[in-house]
Protein backbone atom coordinates (compact mmCIF):
# COMPACT_ATOMS: atom_id res chain seq x y z
CA MET A 1 -28.15 9.08 -19.64
CA SER A 2 -25.71 6.50 -20.97
CA THR A 3 -24.29 3.75 -18.78
CA LEU A 4 -20.84 5.35 -18.82
CA HIS A 5 -22.21 8.76 -17.80
CA TYR A 6 -24.27 7.17 -15.03
CA LEU A 7 -21.29 5.19 -13.70
CA VAL A 8 -19.07 8.26 -13.73
CA PHE A 9 -21.78 10.22 -11.89
CA LEU A 10 -22.09 7.58 -9.16
CA LEU A 11 -18.34 7.35 -8.69
CA CYS A 12 -18.08 11.12 -8.45
CA VAL A 13 -20.84 11.26 -5.84
CA PHE A 14 -19.36 8.59 -3.59
CA LEU A 15 -15.62 8.98 -4.05
CA VAL A 16 -14.90 12.68 -4.56
CA ASP A 17 -12.88 14.17 -1.71
CA VAL A 18 -13.91 17.79 -1.29
CA GLU A 19 -13.91 19.55 2.04
CA GLY A 20 -15.26 23.08 2.37
CA ILE A 21 -15.24 24.83 5.73
CA GLY A 22 -15.82 28.30 7.07
CA PHE A 23 -14.95 29.71 10.49
CA THR A 24 -14.22 32.95 12.32
CA LEU A 25 -10.72 33.91 13.39
CA PRO A 26 -10.52 36.43 16.26
CA PRO A 27 -7.52 38.79 16.41
CA ASN A 28 -4.27 37.39 17.86
CA THR A 29 -5.45 33.77 17.65
CA LYS A 30 -4.43 30.64 15.75
CA LYS A 31 -6.62 27.88 14.36
CA CYS A 32 -5.43 24.68 12.69
CA LEU A 33 -7.07 21.92 10.68
CA ARG A 34 -5.55 18.42 10.51
CA GLU A 35 -6.17 15.56 8.13
CA GLU A 36 -4.55 12.22 7.31
CA ILE A 37 -3.85 11.74 3.60
CA HIS A 38 -2.43 8.78 1.70
CA LYS A 39 0.84 8.69 -0.20
CA ASP A 40 1.25 10.26 -3.68
CA ILE A 41 -2.00 12.23 -3.47
CA LEU A 42 -2.43 15.67 -5.02
CA VAL A 43 -3.89 18.18 -2.56
CA THR A 44 -5.18 21.60 -3.53
CA GLY A 45 -6.71 24.36 -1.45
CA ASP A 46 -8.58 27.60 -2.07
CA TYR A 47 -8.81 30.13 0.74
CA GLU A 48 -10.33 33.56 1.21
CA LEU A 49 -10.38 35.83 4.24
CA SER A 50 -12.62 38.79 4.92
CA ASP A 51 -11.14 42.28 5.17
CA ALA A 52 -9.91 43.30 8.62
CA PRO A 53 -7.99 46.60 8.81
CA GLY A 54 -4.87 46.42 10.94
CA GLN A 55 -4.77 42.63 10.96
CA SER A 56 -2.24 40.34 9.28
CA THR A 57 -2.90 36.62 8.85
CA HIS A 58 -0.21 34.00 8.27
CA LEU A 59 -1.18 30.78 6.47
CA LEU A 60 1.08 27.77 7.04
CA VAL A 61 0.74 24.21 5.71
CA THR A 62 3.03 21.57 7.26
CA ASP A 63 3.34 17.81 7.68
CA SER A 64 3.82 15.91 10.94
CA SER A 65 7.62 16.39 10.72
CA GLY A 66 7.25 20.17 10.55
CA HIS A 67 8.23 20.47 6.89
CA VAL A 68 6.69 23.60 5.37
CA LEU A 69 4.60 22.76 2.30
CA TYR A 70 3.11 26.23 1.84
CA SER A 71 3.53 29.55 3.62
CA LYS A 72 1.90 32.91 2.98
CA GLU A 73 2.28 36.08 5.01
CA ASP A 74 -0.63 38.52 5.09
CA ALA A 75 -2.86 35.96 3.37
CA THR A 76 -6.14 37.29 1.99
CA LYS A 77 -7.07 35.10 -0.98
CA GLY A 78 -5.25 32.46 -2.96
CA LYS A 79 -4.54 28.84 -3.71
CA PHE A 80 -1.99 26.22 -2.70
CA ALA A 81 -1.11 22.75 -3.92
CA PHE A 82 1.24 19.95 -2.99
CA THR A 83 1.70 16.21 -3.52
CA THR A 84 2.13 13.94 -0.51
CA ASP A 85 5.36 11.95 -0.29
CA ASP A 86 4.03 9.51 2.28
CA TYR A 87 0.96 8.68 4.33
CA ASP A 88 0.99 11.41 6.93
CA MET A 89 -0.93 13.91 9.03
CA PHE A 90 -1.06 17.34 7.43
CA GLU A 91 -1.90 20.60 9.17
CA ILE A 92 -3.29 23.87 7.80
CA CYS A 93 -2.95 26.79 10.23
CA PHE A 94 -4.26 30.35 10.12
CA GLU A 95 -2.74 32.78 12.62
CA THR A 96 -3.88 36.37 12.76
CA LYS A 97 -2.12 39.22 14.53
CA MET A 98 -3.35 42.71 15.33
CA THR A 99 -0.81 45.51 15.06
CA GLY A 100 -0.19 47.14 18.41
CA GLY A 101 -2.10 44.42 20.25
CA ALA A 102 -5.38 46.30 19.81
CA ARG A 103 -8.77 44.69 19.44
CA GLY A 104 -10.50 44.38 16.10
CA PRO A 105 -13.21 42.50 14.21
CA ASP A 106 -13.07 38.76 13.66
CA ARG A 107 -11.98 37.57 10.23
CA GLU A 108 -14.19 35.19 8.28
CA VAL A 109 -12.15 32.37 6.76
CA SER A 110 -13.38 30.24 3.87
CA LEU A 111 -11.31 27.18 2.97
CA THR A 112 -11.93 24.46 0.38
CA VAL A 113 -9.53 21.52 0.29
CA LYS A 114 -9.59 18.93 -2.49
CA HIS A 115 -7.47 15.84 -2.81
CA GLY A 116 -7.28 12.84 -5.04
CA VAL A 117 -9.14 12.81 -8.34
CA GLU A 118 -11.15 15.93 -7.56
CA ALA A 119 -7.96 17.99 -7.21
CA LYS A 120 -7.00 17.35 -10.83
CA ASN A 121 -8.00 19.88 -13.47
CA TYR A 122 -9.33 17.74 -16.30
CA GLN A 123 -10.08 20.78 -18.45
CA ASP A 124 -6.39 21.63 -18.54
CA ILE A 125 -5.54 17.97 -19.22
CA ALA A 126 -8.05 17.90 -22.10
CA LYS A 127 -6.56 21.05 -23.62
CA ALA A 128 -2.96 19.86 -23.22
CA GLU A 129 -3.61 16.40 -24.66
CA LYS A 130 -6.42 17.47 -27.05
CA LEU A 131 -8.87 14.97 -25.62
CA LYS A 132 -12.51 14.67 -26.59
CA PRO A 133 -15.23 14.90 -23.89
CA MET A 134 -15.70 11.13 -23.87
CA GLU A 135 -11.94 10.60 -23.57
CA VAL A 136 -11.85 13.04 -20.67
CA GLU A 137 -14.57 11.09 -18.87
CA LEU A 138 -12.72 7.86 -19.56
CA ARG A 139 -9.54 9.40 -18.10
CA ARG A 140 -11.50 10.53 -15.05
CA LEU A 141 -13.07 7.09 -14.71
CA GLU A 142 -9.63 5.48 -14.97
CA ASP A 143 -8.30 7.74 -12.21
CA LEU A 144 -11.33 7.00 -10.04
CA SER A 145 -10.88 3.26 -10.56
CA GLU A 146 -7.21 3.55 -9.64
CA SER A 147 -8.19 5.49 -6.54
CA ILE A 148 -10.62 2.73 -5.56
CA VAL A 149 -7.97 0.05 -6.04
CA ASN A 150 -5.48 2.01 -3.96
CA ASP A 151 -8.03 2.53 -1.18
CA PHE A 152 -8.86 -1.19 -1.09
CA ALA A 153 -5.16 -2.07 -1.09
CA TYR A 154 -4.59 0.30 1.82
CA MET A 155 -7.56 -1.12 3.75
CA ARG A 156 -6.32 -4.67 3.10
CA ALA A 157 -2.86 -3.74 4.35
CA ARG A 158 -4.36 -2.11 7.45
CA GLU A 159 -6.51 -5.20 8.05
CA GLU A 160 -3.48 -7.48 7.80
CA GLU A 161 -1.54 -5.22 10.13
CA MET A 162 -4.36 -5.21 12.67
CA ARG A 163 -4.74 -8.99 12.39
CA ASP A 164 -1.02 -9.49 12.99
CA THR A 165 -1.23 -7.14 15.96
CA ASN A 166 -4.21 -9.04 17.39
CA GLU A 167 -2.49 -12.39 16.92
CA SER A 168 0.66 -11.09 18.56
CA THR A 169 -1.36 -9.65 21.45
CA ASN A 170 -3.27 -12.92 21.90
CA SER A 171 -0.02 -14.88 21.97
CA ARG A 172 1.45 -12.56 24.58
CA VAL A 173 -1.70 -12.80 26.70
CA LEU A 174 -1.57 -16.60 26.48
CA TYR A 175 2.08 -16.76 27.50
CA PHE A 176 1.49 -14.27 30.29
CA SER A 177 -1.47 -16.34 31.54
CA ILE A 178 0.65 -19.52 31.55
CA PHE A 179 3.45 -17.67 33.36
CA SER A 180 0.98 -16.29 35.92
CA MET A 181 -0.48 -19.76 36.48
CA CYS A 182 2.97 -21.23 37.03
CA CYS A 183 3.79 -18.45 39.48
CA LEU A 184 0.57 -19.06 41.41
CA ILE A 185 1.19 -22.82 41.54
CA GLY A 186 4.78 -22.25 42.68
CA LEU A 187 3.65 -19.75 45.32
CA ALA A 188 0.95 -22.11 46.60
CA THR A 189 3.46 -25.01 46.79
CA TRP A 190 5.96 -22.84 48.65
CA GLN A 191 3.27 -21.75 51.14
CA VAL A 192 2.26 -25.36 51.80
CA LEU A 193 5.85 -26.46 52.36
CA TYR A 194 6.61 -23.43 54.53
CA LEU A 195 3.52 -23.97 56.71
CA ARG A 196 4.33 -27.68 56.99
CA ARG A 197 7.85 -26.90 58.25
CA PHE A 198 6.48 -24.26 60.59
CA PHE A 199 3.93 -26.59 62.16
CA LYS A 200 6.55 -29.31 62.46
CA ALA A 201 8.88 -26.89 64.21
CA LYS A 202 6.10 -26.04 66.65
CA LYS A 203 5.42 -29.76 67.00
CA LEU A 204 1.82 -29.26 66.03
CA ILE A 205 2.01 -32.04 63.42
CA GLU A 206 4.16 -35.12 62.99
C-alpha cells in the first residue's frame, strides 16, 4: 500500500463522521435525536422504517430555532440532506400515530446520519469533473485536511473563550473576596465601637 493510500485510510478511520442507529417506535409515541454540528457542514441521512399497517410516521428535522430543514409525512424509506448555516443543535424526530387510537406493533427504525467529508459523494464528483482515482483520493485528502484545520481552529477558539471566562471569573472572585474582607473589617470595627460606647454608657469602663 502506497504512503498516500495509507494516509488516506488512517484519516478515514479516525475522522469520518458516520452515525448509524436503530430503535423501536411504539404506536402514538415520539422519539428525537439531537446533535451539535459545526457551521457550513453538509449533513445527509438515510432512514427506513418497518411496515406497520394502520400507522403513519412523521419525520421532522429542525434546528434549535425551530426552523424546519426536512419534513416527511407517512415516512417509510428515504433520504434527506441539508447544509448547516451556523454552529447549532439539530434535532431529528420520528412521531408515529395509529389511526383510531388502536394498538399495533412497534415500528423498527433504522437511521444513518453522515456529516462532513463522509457525506460527500466523491463518485459523483469524479464523474462530473472527470477525475482519475488518484485525483479523487487527493480531493478527499484535501477535504479531510481542511476538516482537521477547521476542527483545530474551533477547539482553539473554544479554548480561548474558556480561558477568557476563567480569567473573568477569577477576577470577579478576587474582587468579591476583597469586598467581603472590607465588609468584615468594617463590621468588626463597628461592633468594637458600639460595644465601647455601650460599656461607657453603663459606666463599666472609663
